[in-house]
Amino acid sequence: MGTPRTRETDVLIIGGGFAGLGMAIELKRSGRNDFVLLEKAEDVGGTWRDNTYPGCACDIHSHMYSFSFELNPGWSRMFARQPEIWEYLRRVTDKYGLRRHIRFGAEVTGAHWDERNRVWRVRTRAGDTYTARAVVSGVGALHVPNVPKLPGAERFRGTAFHSANWDHDYDLRGRRVAVIGTGASAIQFVPEIARDVAELHIFQRTPPWIVPKMDRPVRPWEQRMFRLLPLTQRLYRNAIYWMLESRAVGFTINPKLMGLAQTIARKHLEKQVPDPDLRAKLTPNYTMGCKRVLISNDYYPTLAQPHVHLVTDGVAEITEDAVVDGAGMAHEVDAIIYGTGFHVTDGYDHLDIVGRDGRNLVQQWHSEGMETYLGIAVSGFPNFFFLLGPNTGLGHNSVVFMIESQIHYIGQCLRLLDTHGATAMDVRARAQSTFYRDLQRQLTKGVWTQGGCNSWYLDAHGVNRTIWPGFTWRYWQRTRKVRLADFELLSAGRPEPDRELAESVG
């Protein structure tokens, strides 16, 4: 390990996934080249670099799950798989010359606001310090695997791993395998590994709603058309957007409208699972959309195979060679795969972020809840911006759309600082509280509150800190222009807010 270094930059970006790369491109396109992107791994890609489990794919149409300014006419499938998405991100990185701005193997551990100089001091695990006027966090919500603390797990003598840390060196062929969890990852890798294992025990806590996956290869003539006539791909993308956006009516306005989608899902289940007992175990008892809606054509048929066993009695403990369910039955296995998702509402707990007056972000969020302004800014943390921050995730459309709205907004903030000769901007507590109250009021009408289930959308107190409760085009509208009256402008060297600047824009 080398000697720790201190470096200066205007904008520091954390994370090299869709969010961080999108922000870097926005800076480049606006003529800003004084920025650094810190990535903890040795390549870009984020979620699509880390998740390499068998069958890993996106559940949003390929042509919508990409940057609007960098369409890919060559998608091979309607729903792209992990290698292709990862390759897309690497290609975009190279096209926009981002690698010279990226510091790989630089894991951020914390950021402290220097009140006197109005800059952020960002630290890495290697001991390096970066001084930056603005920090943009693109760490994402799906990067810290959630491995449940099950009694006896440390005693297990076989192989155990989380789906996000897939052990490709372990040969599953002929093995007895337990899968704990039946979320979005599990329904993709279960059909893949079922072909090779001797026995598969799937531990389901709550059955998900699953609808057919309208997937197919993109035909060569379609790829040629998109390449030669880019407008056709733009129109196709727009059609997908509005089709997906229409689902927000049932999610956010009237959950009763989810009835039609539930009917489609039930027919899908009835068609693929003829056994009434198994079908009963797979039938959800909550409104669709309350938990993440999944898409699959091969998960249900996999469960009907004789060597696959669905366990719905929970997990009581793990022994040296078995998983014991809630009914006391021991299921002897050679390997355990956790398909238990990620830490979402506590995804920032590993970071030490300290703002004005010594405010610690994680402590504040633990005591008061994850309250933000537009999911982008937090009062007391000037020039610290979030991408896909609290309550800007989606259950019905592409988060890349949200990312683009946010990077445009942050770009505006940086331009306004330059225009007004300010060093930093801090969202006013009043503006943040107003936004947050309105957001939570809207959430109470949605399926996540009315649907009758618990999910990773909710924090430990049952409050939705994850999902945007409305149409994405409304979020786009809200982020098209910065409301300067909602911010306090600061200038360097002043211990108090610059009242002259604040009054000029307030």
Protein backbone atom coordinates (compact mmCIF):
# COMPACT_ATOMS: atom_id res chain seq x y z
CA MET A 1 0.00 0.00 0.00
CA GLY A 2 1.41 3.38 -0.99
CA THR A 3 1.61 6.59 1.00
CA PRO A 4 -1.84 8.21 1.44
CA ARG A 5 -2.35 11.17 -0.88
CA THR A 6 -4.47 14.31 -0.90
CA ARG A 7 -5.99 15.46 -4.18
CA GLU A 8 -8.25 18.30 -5.21
CA THR A 9 -11.09 18.28 -7.72
CA ASP A 10 -14.19 20.35 -8.42
CA VAL A 11 -16.73 17.51 -8.44
CA LEU A 12 -16.25 14.08 -6.92
CA ILE A 13 -18.53 11.21 -7.99
CA ILE A 14 -18.88 8.04 -5.93
CA GLY A 15 -19.73 4.85 -7.84
CA GLY A 16 -19.25 3.61 -11.40
CA GLY A 17 -22.66 2.16 -12.21
CA PHE A 18 -25.41 3.69 -14.34
CA ALA A 19 -25.81 6.63 -11.93
CA GLY A 20 -22.17 7.59 -11.52
CA LEU A 21 -21.34 7.15 -15.20
CA GLY A 22 -24.39 9.16 -16.19
CA MET A 23 -23.27 12.02 -13.95
CA ALA A 24 -19.76 11.88 -15.38
CA ILE A 25 -21.12 12.08 -18.92
CA GLU A 26 -23.35 15.02 -17.97
CA LEU A 27 -20.29 16.88 -16.67
CA LYS A 28 -18.28 16.11 -19.82
CA ARG A 29 -21.10 17.17 -22.11
CA SER A 30 -21.43 20.48 -20.26
CA GLY A 31 -17.71 21.20 -20.60
CA ARG A 32 -16.71 20.29 -17.04
CA ASN A 33 -13.58 18.17 -16.96
CA ASP A 34 -12.39 18.85 -13.42
CA PHE A 35 -13.96 15.82 -11.78
CA VAL A 36 -12.97 12.46 -10.36
CA LEU A 37 -15.04 9.29 -10.11
CA LEU A 38 -14.14 6.89 -7.29
CA GLU A 39 -15.02 3.23 -7.88
CA LYS A 40 -14.36 0.58 -5.22
CA ALA A 41 -13.95 -2.25 -7.76
CA GLU A 42 -11.54 -2.67 -10.65
CA ASP A 43 -14.02 -1.94 -13.43
CA VAL A 44 -17.21 0.01 -14.05
CA GLY A 45 -20.67 -1.53 -14.07
CA GLY A 46 -22.01 -1.45 -10.52
CA THR A 47 -24.87 -3.92 -10.10
CA TRP A 48 -24.27 -5.28 -13.60
CA ARG A 49 -20.63 -6.00 -12.86
CA ASP A 50 -21.23 -7.61 -9.47
CA ASN A 51 -24.24 -9.82 -10.15
CA THR A 52 -23.05 -12.71 -12.31
CA TYR A 53 -25.38 -15.44 -11.12
CA PRO A 54 -26.78 -17.82 -13.78
CA GLY A 55 -29.69 -16.28 -15.67
CA CYS A 56 -29.05 -12.73 -14.46
CA ALA A 57 -31.04 -10.31 -16.63
CA CYS A 58 -32.92 -7.04 -16.49
CA ASP A 59 -36.67 -6.99 -15.91
CA ILE A 60 -37.14 -3.74 -17.86
CA HIS A 61 -37.16 -3.73 -21.67
CA SER A 62 -33.64 -3.33 -23.06
CA HIS A 63 -34.49 -0.32 -25.20
CA MET A 64 -35.75 1.54 -22.11
CA TYR A 65 -32.96 0.40 -19.82
CA SER A 66 -30.27 2.59 -21.35
CA PHE A 67 -29.36 6.26 -21.56
CA SER A 68 -31.67 8.27 -23.81
CA PHE A 69 -28.64 10.05 -25.26
CA GLU A 70 -26.84 6.79 -25.96
CA LEU A 71 -29.30 4.33 -27.46
CA ASN A 72 -28.08 0.87 -28.36
CA PRO A 73 -29.53 -0.44 -31.63
CA GLY A 74 -27.76 -3.76 -31.14
CA TRP A 75 -29.58 -5.21 -28.12
CA SER A 76 -29.83 -8.94 -28.74
CA ARG A 77 -32.95 -9.57 -26.64
CA MET A 78 -36.05 -7.69 -25.53
CA PHE A 79 -34.80 -8.12 -21.94
CA ALA A 80 -31.03 -7.87 -21.92
CA ARG A 81 -28.91 -10.21 -19.85
CA GLN A 82 -26.15 -9.20 -17.47
CA PRO A 83 -23.12 -9.60 -19.78
CA GLU A 84 -24.71 -7.43 -22.45
CA ILE A 85 -25.70 -4.64 -20.05
CA TRP A 86 -22.24 -4.67 -18.49
CA GLU A 87 -20.66 -4.47 -21.94
CA TYR A 88 -22.96 -1.52 -22.79
CA LEU A 89 -21.72 0.38 -19.71
CA ARG A 90 -18.08 -0.33 -20.50
CA ARG A 91 -18.59 0.77 -24.11
CA VAL A 92 -20.23 4.03 -22.98
CA THR A 93 -17.37 4.63 -20.54
CA ASP A 94 -14.83 4.36 -23.33
CA LYS A 95 -16.83 6.39 -25.83
CA TYR A 96 -17.03 9.40 -23.51
CA GLY A 97 -13.41 9.12 -22.35
CA LEU A 98 -14.30 8.59 -18.72
CA ARG A 99 -11.55 6.19 -17.69
CA ARG A 100 -9.00 8.95 -17.22
CA HIS A 101 -11.32 10.43 -14.58
CA ILE A 102 -11.88 7.14 -12.73
CA ARG A 103 -9.85 5.90 -9.77
CA PHE A 104 -10.44 2.17 -9.47
CA GLY A 105 -9.99 0.29 -6.21
CA ALA A 106 -10.93 3.48 -4.32
CA GLU A 107 -13.60 2.58 -1.78
CA VAL A 108 -15.08 5.63 -0.07
CA THR A 109 -15.44 5.35 3.70
CA GLY A 110 -16.62 8.84 4.58
CA ALA A 111 -17.00 12.52 3.72
CA HIS A 112 -16.74 15.52 6.05
CA TRP A 113 -17.88 19.05 5.31
CA ASP A 114 -15.20 21.70 5.88
CA GLU A 115 -17.31 24.67 7.02
CA ARG A 116 -14.59 27.30 6.82
CA ASN A 117 -13.43 26.46 3.29
CA ARG A 118 -16.82 25.24 2.09
CA VAL A 119 -15.49 22.01 0.60
CA TRP A 120 -15.90 18.29 1.21
CA ARG A 121 -13.07 16.10 2.45
CA VAL A 122 -13.68 12.59 1.12
CA ARG A 123 -11.70 9.65 2.48
CA THR A 124 -11.00 6.25 0.95
CA ARG A 125 -10.19 2.97 2.63
CA ALA A 126 -6.61 3.28 1.36
CA GLY A 127 -6.24 6.49 3.35
CA ASP A 128 -6.35 8.93 0.41
CA THR A 129 -8.24 12.20 0.84
CA TYR A 130 -10.02 14.10 -1.93
CA THR A 131 -11.05 17.72 -1.54
CA ALA A 132 -14.06 18.63 -3.66
CA ARG A 133 -16.49 21.51 -3.97
CA ALA A 134 -19.35 19.09 -4.69
CA VAL A 135 -19.91 15.39 -4.10
CA VAL A 136 -22.36 13.24 -6.07
CA SER A 137 -23.23 9.88 -4.54
CA GLY A 138 -24.09 7.25 -7.12
CA VAL A 139 -23.60 4.25 -4.86
CA GLY A 140 -27.04 2.84 -5.66
CA ALA A 141 -29.37 0.77 -3.50
CA LEU A 142 -28.53 -2.74 -4.68
CA HIS A 143 -24.89 -3.20 -3.78
CA VAL A 144 -24.73 -4.39 -0.14
CA PRO A 145 -25.96 -8.03 -0.02
CA ASN A 146 -28.42 -8.83 2.75
CA VAL A 147 -27.46 -12.15 4.34
CA PRO A 148 -29.96 -13.01 7.09
CA LYS A 149 -28.64 -13.90 10.54
CA LEU A 150 -30.03 -17.40 10.86
CA PRO A 151 -29.39 -19.50 13.96
CA GLY A 152 -26.52 -21.90 13.41
CA ALA A 153 -25.43 -20.49 10.04
CA GLU A 154 -21.81 -20.34 11.18
CA ARG A 155 -21.86 -24.10 11.85
CA PHE A 156 -22.69 -25.10 8.28
CA ARG A 157 -19.85 -27.20 6.87
CA GLY A 158 -20.92 -26.94 3.23
CA THR A 159 -20.60 -24.02 0.83
CA ALA A 160 -22.75 -20.92 1.36
CA PHE A 161 -22.88 -17.69 -0.62
CA HIS A 162 -25.18 -14.83 -1.60
CA SER A 163 -26.40 -14.63 -5.18
CA ALA A 164 -24.62 -11.28 -5.60
CA ASN A 165 -21.33 -12.98 -4.69
CA TRP A 166 -21.82 -16.10 -6.79
CA ASP A 167 -19.18 -18.78 -6.21
CA HIS A 168 -18.37 -19.82 -9.78
CA ASP A 169 -15.63 -22.16 -8.54
CA TYR A 170 -18.18 -24.34 -6.76
CA ASP A 171 -19.65 -27.00 -9.05
CA LEU A 172 -23.36 -27.44 -8.33
CA ARG A 173 -23.72 -30.49 -10.52
CA GLY A 174 -25.08 -33.42 -8.54
CA ARG A 175 -25.31 -31.41 -5.32
CA ARG A 176 -28.13 -30.97 -2.85
CA VAL A 177 -28.82 -27.25 -2.71
CA ALA A 178 -30.96 -24.97 -0.55
CA VAL A 179 -32.09 -21.61 -1.88
CA ILE A 180 -33.29 -19.17 0.78
CA GLY A 181 -35.43 -16.42 -0.67
CA THR A 182 -37.72 -16.16 -3.69
CA GLY A 183 -37.17 -12.63 -4.94
CA ALA A 184 -36.10 -11.18 -8.27
CA SER A 185 -32.69 -12.88 -8.32
CA ALA A 186 -33.88 -16.29 -7.17
CA ILE A 187 -36.55 -16.66 -9.83
CA GLN A 188 -33.84 -16.09 -12.43
CA PHE A 189 -31.16 -18.46 -11.14
CA VAL A 190 -33.40 -21.24 -9.76
CA PRO A 191 -34.43 -22.51 -13.24
CA GLU A 192 -30.79 -22.39 -14.34
CA ILE A 193 -29.30 -24.40 -11.47
CA ALA A 194 -32.23 -26.84 -11.31
CA ARG A 195 -30.93 -28.40 -14.52
CA ASP A 196 -27.74 -29.54 -12.80
CA VAL A 197 -28.42 -30.13 -9.10
CA ALA A 198 -29.47 -33.47 -7.64
CA GLU A 199 -31.98 -31.90 -5.27
CA LEU A 200 -33.21 -28.36 -4.77
CA HIS A 201 -34.96 -27.04 -1.66
CA ILE A 202 -36.46 -23.57 -2.08
CA PHE A 203 -37.38 -21.74 1.12
CA GLN A 204 -40.17 -19.27 0.44
CA ARG A 205 -41.36 -16.77 3.03
CA THR A 206 -43.91 -14.91 0.89
CA PRO A 207 -44.91 -15.88 -2.66
CA PRO A 208 -44.27 -13.16 -5.25
CA TRP A 209 -46.66 -12.07 -7.97
CA ILE A 210 -45.21 -13.32 -11.25
CA VAL A 211 -46.38 -12.34 -14.73
CA PRO A 212 -45.27 -13.71 -18.12
CA LYS A 213 -41.98 -12.42 -19.47
CA MET A 214 -42.51 -11.15 -23.00
CA ASP A 215 -38.95 -11.91 -24.01
CA ARG A 216 -37.54 -12.92 -27.38
CA PRO A 217 -34.43 -12.31 -29.48
CA VAL A 218 -34.36 -8.99 -31.32
CA ARG A 219 -34.55 -9.87 -35.00
CA PRO A 220 -31.62 -8.92 -37.27
CA TRP A 221 -33.86 -6.78 -39.45
CA GLU A 222 -35.02 -4.86 -36.36
CA GLN A 223 -31.42 -4.18 -35.35
CA ARG A 224 -30.62 -2.96 -38.86
CA MET A 225 -33.66 -0.69 -38.87
CA PHE A 226 -32.73 0.83 -35.48
CA ARG A 227 -29.16 1.36 -36.69
CA LEU A 228 -30.04 2.91 -40.07
CA LEU A 229 -33.14 4.80 -38.91
CA PRO A 230 -32.47 5.96 -35.33
CA LEU A 231 -35.84 7.69 -35.17
CA THR A 232 -37.57 4.29 -35.26
CA GLN A 233 -35.73 3.20 -32.13
CA ARG A 234 -36.58 6.51 -30.46
CA LEU A 235 -40.26 6.00 -31.25
CA TYR A 236 -40.09 2.39 -30.04
CA ARG A 237 -38.47 3.50 -26.79
CA ASN A 238 -41.16 6.14 -26.28
CA ALA A 239 -43.88 3.54 -26.80
CA ILE A 240 -42.29 1.29 -24.17
CA TYR A 241 -42.02 4.22 -21.77
CA TRP A 242 -45.69 5.12 -21.95
CA MET A 243 -46.75 1.47 -21.75
CA LEU A 244 -44.76 1.08 -18.53
CA GLU A 245 -45.84 4.46 -17.23
CA SER A 246 -49.50 3.49 -17.49
CA ARG A 247 -48.93 0.95 -14.74
CA ALA A 248 -48.40 3.79 -12.26
CA VAL A 249 -52.17 4.37 -12.17
CA GLY A 250 -52.71 1.15 -10.24
CA PHE A 251 -49.53 1.52 -8.19
CA THR A 252 -50.07 5.09 -7.03
CA ILE A 253 -53.65 6.25 -7.59
CA ASN A 254 -56.03 3.33 -7.10
CA PRO A 255 -54.63 -0.06 -6.03
CA LYS A 256 -57.96 -1.66 -6.93
CA LEU A 257 -56.99 -1.21 -10.56
CA MET A 258 -54.31 -3.86 -10.05
CA GLY A 259 -57.10 -6.44 -10.32
CA LEU A 260 -56.63 -6.92 -14.07
CA ALA A 261 -52.91 -7.52 -13.69
CA GLN A 262 -53.61 -9.96 -10.85
CA THR A 263 -55.98 -11.87 -13.11
CA ILE A 264 -53.21 -12.20 -15.72
CA ALA A 265 -50.80 -13.41 -13.05
CA ARG A 266 -53.28 -15.96 -11.67
CA LYS A 267 -53.93 -17.37 -15.13
CA HIS A 268 -50.18 -17.59 -15.65
CA LEU A 269 -49.88 -19.55 -12.40
CA GLU A 270 -52.82 -21.84 -13.20
CA LYS A 271 -51.45 -22.60 -16.64
CA GLN A 272 -47.96 -23.44 -15.42
CA VAL A 273 -48.76 -25.17 -12.10
CA PRO A 274 -51.51 -27.80 -12.44
CA ASP A 275 -50.98 -29.18 -8.91
CA PRO A 276 -53.59 -27.38 -6.70
CA ASP A 277 -51.58 -27.83 -3.49
CA LEU A 278 -48.43 -26.34 -4.99
CA ARG A 279 -50.47 -23.62 -6.66
CA ALA A 280 -51.99 -22.65 -3.30
CA LYS A 281 -48.52 -22.21 -1.80
CA LEU A 282 -47.56 -19.97 -4.73
CA THR A 283 -50.64 -17.73 -4.60
CA PRO A 284 -49.99 -14.33 -2.95
CA ASN A 285 -52.50 -12.97 -0.41
CA TYR A 286 -51.65 -9.30 -0.93
CA THR A 287 -52.31 -6.76 -3.68
CA MET A 288 -49.96 -6.90 -6.63
CA GLY A 289 -47.34 -4.17 -6.50
CA CYS A 290 -47.12 -4.14 -2.71
CA LYS A 291 -43.92 -6.14 -3.21
CA ARG A 292 -41.83 -6.13 -6.38
CA VAL A 293 -43.68 -7.66 -9.34
CA LEU A 294 -41.56 -10.34 -11.03
CA ILE A 295 -41.49 -11.66 -14.58
CA SER A 296 -40.66 -15.24 -15.56
CA ASN A 297 -41.69 -18.00 -17.93
CA ASP A 298 -39.65 -20.82 -16.40
CA TYR A 299 -39.77 -20.40 -12.62
CA TYR A 300 -43.15 -22.04 -12.03
CA PRO A 301 -42.43 -25.07 -14.26
CA THR A 302 -39.15 -25.57 -12.39
CA LEU A 303 -41.02 -25.93 -9.09
CA ALA A 304 -43.10 -28.74 -10.55
CA GLN A 305 -40.06 -30.93 -11.18
CA PRO A 306 -39.77 -33.98 -8.88
CA HIS A 307 -36.33 -33.07 -7.50
CA VAL A 308 -37.39 -29.51 -6.60
CA HIS A 309 -39.12 -28.96 -3.24
CA LEU A 310 -40.87 -25.77 -2.14
CA VAL A 311 -40.66 -25.18 1.61
CA THR A 312 -43.07 -22.66 3.13
CA ASP A 313 -42.51 -23.32 6.84
CA GLY A 314 -39.65 -20.85 7.17
CA VAL A 315 -36.13 -21.48 8.45
CA ALA A 316 -35.72 -22.38 12.12
CA GLU A 317 -31.98 -23.03 12.11
CA ILE A 318 -29.03 -24.28 10.14
CA THR A 319 -27.00 -27.26 11.28
CA GLU A 320 -23.67 -28.64 10.08
CA ASP A 321 -25.28 -30.30 7.07
CA ALA A 322 -28.93 -29.22 6.85
CA VAL A 323 -31.47 -26.42 6.87
CA VAL A 324 -34.18 -27.06 9.45
CA ASP A 325 -37.58 -25.59 8.61
CA GLY A 326 -40.18 -24.21 11.01
CA ALA A 327 -41.94 -27.57 11.21
CA GLY A 328 -38.76 -29.21 12.47
CA MET A 329 -37.88 -31.07 9.27
CA ALA A 330 -34.17 -31.14 8.42
CA HIS A 331 -33.34 -30.75 4.72
CA GLU A 332 -29.84 -32.11 4.21
CA VAL A 333 -27.88 -30.02 1.71
CA ASP A 334 -24.35 -29.51 0.42
CA ALA A 335 -24.74 -25.84 -0.37
CA ILE A 336 -26.87 -22.84 0.63
CA ILE A 337 -27.53 -19.95 -1.75
CA TYR A 338 -29.01 -16.78 -0.28
CA GLY A 339 -31.34 -15.02 -2.69
CA THR A 340 -32.28 -12.53 0.01
CA GLY A 341 -31.72 -9.23 -1.74
CA PHE A 342 -29.84 -6.20 -0.50
CA HIS A 343 -29.66 -3.64 2.28
CA VAL A 344 -31.72 -0.81 0.82
CA THR A 345 -33.10 1.52 3.50
CA ASP A 346 -29.88 1.04 5.47
CA GLY A 347 -27.61 1.04 2.43
CA TYR A 348 -25.61 4.07 3.63
CA ASP A 349 -24.82 2.69 7.08
CA HIS A 350 -21.24 1.86 6.07
CA LEU A 351 -20.45 5.49 5.23
CA ASP A 352 -19.43 8.24 7.67
CA ILE A 353 -20.93 11.39 6.16
CA VAL A 354 -20.77 14.50 8.35
CA GLY A 355 -22.26 17.81 7.26
CA ARG A 356 -22.80 21.25 8.83
CA ASP A 357 -22.63 21.57 12.62
CA GLY A 358 -21.30 18.02 12.89
CA ARG A 359 -24.51 16.38 11.63
CA ASN A 360 -23.97 12.72 10.86
CA LEU A 361 -26.16 11.60 7.97
CA VAL A 362 -26.60 7.98 9.06
CA GLN A 363 -27.36 8.90 12.66
CA GLN A 364 -29.84 11.53 11.48
CA TRP A 365 -31.59 9.09 9.17
CA HIS A 366 -31.74 6.45 11.90
CA SER A 367 -33.28 8.84 14.40
CA GLU A 368 -35.50 10.93 12.11
CA GLY A 369 -35.95 8.76 9.02
CA MET A 370 -34.56 9.13 5.50
CA GLU A 371 -35.91 12.57 4.70
CA THR A 372 -34.63 14.32 1.57
CA TYR A 373 -35.54 16.98 -0.96
CA LEU A 374 -36.40 15.36 -4.31
CA GLY A 375 -34.30 12.37 -3.23
CA ILE A 376 -31.32 14.49 -4.31
CA ALA A 377 -30.40 16.84 -1.45
CA VAL A 378 -30.48 16.81 2.37
CA SER A 379 -30.61 19.95 4.46
CA GLY A 380 -27.37 20.47 6.37
CA PHE A 381 -25.25 18.74 3.71
CA PRO A 382 -24.38 21.46 1.16
CA ASN A 383 -23.31 20.40 -2.32
CA PHE A 384 -23.82 16.74 -1.46
CA PHE A 385 -26.13 15.26 -4.08
CA PHE A 386 -27.71 11.82 -4.31
CA LEU A 387 -28.53 9.82 -7.42
CA LEU A 388 -31.34 7.31 -6.92
CA GLY A 389 -31.57 8.55 -3.36
CA PRO A 390 -34.47 7.81 -0.99
CA ASN A 391 -37.91 7.58 -2.59
CA THR A 392 -36.70 7.79 -6.17
CA GLY A 393 -36.71 4.06 -6.88
CA LEU A 394 -39.40 2.61 -9.14
CA GLY A 395 -41.65 -0.39 -9.29
CA HIS A 396 -43.13 0.26 -12.71
CA ASN A 397 -40.60 1.88 -15.04
CA SER A 398 -36.88 2.31 -15.72
CA VAL A 399 -34.73 3.91 -13.01
CA VAL A 400 -32.41 5.13 -15.76
CA PHE A 401 -35.12 7.69 -16.55
CA MET A 402 -34.94 8.91 -12.95
CA ILE A 403 -31.14 9.03 -13.08
CA GLU A 404 -31.23 11.24 -16.16
CA SER A 405 -33.66 13.64 -14.48
CA GLN A 406 -31.34 13.83 -11.48
CA ILE A 407 -28.08 14.35 -13.35
CA HIS A 408 -29.72 17.16 -15.32
CA TYR A 409 -30.88 18.73 -12.04
CA ILE A 410 -27.45 18.49 -10.43
CA GLY A 411 -25.87 19.93 -13.55
CA GLN A 412 -28.24 22.90 -13.18
CA CYS A 413 -27.22 23.33 -9.55
CA LEU A 414 -23.55 23.53 -10.50
CA ARG A 415 -24.28 26.08 -13.22
CA LEU A 416 -26.33 28.21 -10.81
CA LEU A 417 -23.47 28.23 -8.32
CA ASP A 418 -21.21 29.58 -11.03
CA THR A 419 -23.78 32.13 -12.18
CA HIS A 420 -24.35 33.53 -8.69
CA GLY A 421 -20.72 33.37 -7.62
CA ALA A 422 -21.54 31.02 -4.77
CA THR A 423 -19.46 28.18 -3.41
CA ALA A 424 -22.22 25.90 -2.15
CA MET A 425 -25.97 25.49 -1.87
CA ASP A 426 -27.90 23.91 0.99
CA VAL A 427 -31.56 23.02 0.70
CA ARG A 428 -33.66 24.81 3.28
CA ALA A 429 -35.13 22.63 6.03
CA ARG A 430 -38.59 24.09 5.38
CA ALA A 431 -38.52 23.17 1.69
CA GLN A 432 -37.32 19.67 2.51
CA SER A 433 -40.03 19.12 5.12
CA THR A 434 -42.74 20.32 2.75
CA PHE A 435 -41.56 18.02 0.00
CA TYR A 436 -41.28 15.06 2.38
CA ARG A 437 -44.75 15.55 3.90
CA ASP A 438 -46.34 15.75 0.45
CA LEU A 439 -44.46 12.65 -0.67
CA GLN A 440 -45.49 10.55 2.34
CA ARG A 441 -49.08 11.73 1.98
CA GLN A 442 -49.08 10.46 -1.60
CA LEU A 443 -47.47 7.18 -0.55
CA THR A 444 -50.31 6.42 1.85
CA LYS A 445 -52.65 6.20 -1.15
CA GLY A 446 -50.45 3.76 -3.03
CA VAL A 447 -50.34 -0.01 -3.19
CA TRP A 448 -47.20 -0.15 -1.01
CA THR A 449 -49.28 1.04 1.98
CA GLN A 450 -52.69 -0.28 1.01
CA GLY A 451 -51.55 -3.61 -0.41
CA GLY A 452 -51.28 -5.59 2.83
CA CYS A 453 -47.66 -6.75 2.83
CA ASN A 454 -44.19 -6.03 4.15
CA SER A 455 -41.38 -5.49 1.70
CA TRP A 456 -37.87 -4.11 1.29
CA TYR A 457 -39.50 -0.88 0.15
CA LEU A 458 -40.18 -0.15 3.84
CA ASP A 459 -37.76 0.71 6.63
CA ALA A 460 -37.73 -0.80 10.13
CA HIS A 461 -40.63 1.47 11.11
CA GLY A 462 -42.80 0.46 8.16
CA VAL A 463 -42.29 3.75 6.30
CA ASN A 464 -41.68 3.67 2.56
CA ARG A 465 -38.27 5.23 1.99
CA THR A 466 -37.66 3.68 -1.42
CA ILE A 467 -40.35 4.24 -4.06
CA TRP A 468 -41.36 7.36 -5.97
CA PRO A 469 -45.16 7.58 -5.44
CA GLY A 470 -46.27 8.76 -8.81
CA PHE A 471 -45.66 9.15 -12.51
CA THR A 472 -42.04 9.50 -13.56
CA TRP A 473 -42.95 12.30 -15.94
CA ARG A 474 -44.06 14.31 -12.91
CA TYR A 475 -40.65 13.79 -11.36
CA TRP A 476 -39.12 14.91 -14.66
CA GLN A 477 -41.25 18.07 -14.49
CA ARG A 478 -40.24 18.73 -10.90
CA THR A 479 -36.53 18.45 -11.68
CA ARG A 480 -36.45 20.45 -14.92
CA LYS A 481 -35.71 23.69 -13.06
CA VAL A 482 -34.08 24.33 -9.70
CA ARG A 483 -36.22 26.40 -7.33
CA LEU A 484 -33.54 28.68 -5.95
CA ALA A 485 -35.86 29.94 -3.22
CA ASP A 486 -35.67 26.44 -1.73
CA PHE A 487 -31.91 26.76 -1.27
CA GLU A 488 -29.51 28.78 0.85
CA LEU A 489 -26.43 29.93 -1.07
CA LEU A 490 -23.03 29.95 0.67
CA SER A 491 -19.69 31.47 -0.28
CA ALA A 492 -16.17 30.52 0.76
CA GLY A 493 -14.65 31.82 3.97
CA ARG A 494 -17.93 32.88 5.58
CA PRO A 495 -18.96 31.04 8.77
CA GLU A 496 -22.58 32.12 8.25
CA PRO A 497 -24.84 31.94 5.16
CA ASP A 498 -24.25 34.66 2.61
CA ARG A 499 -27.44 36.67 3.23
CA GLU A 500 -26.82 38.96 0.26
CA LEU A 501 -26.67 36.00 -2.10
CA ALA A 502 -29.63 34.30 -0.41
CA GLU A 503 -31.78 37.40 -0.66
CA SER A 504 -30.89 37.94 -4.31
CA VAL A 505 -32.38 34.60 -5.30
CA GLY A 506 -34.94 34.02 -2.52
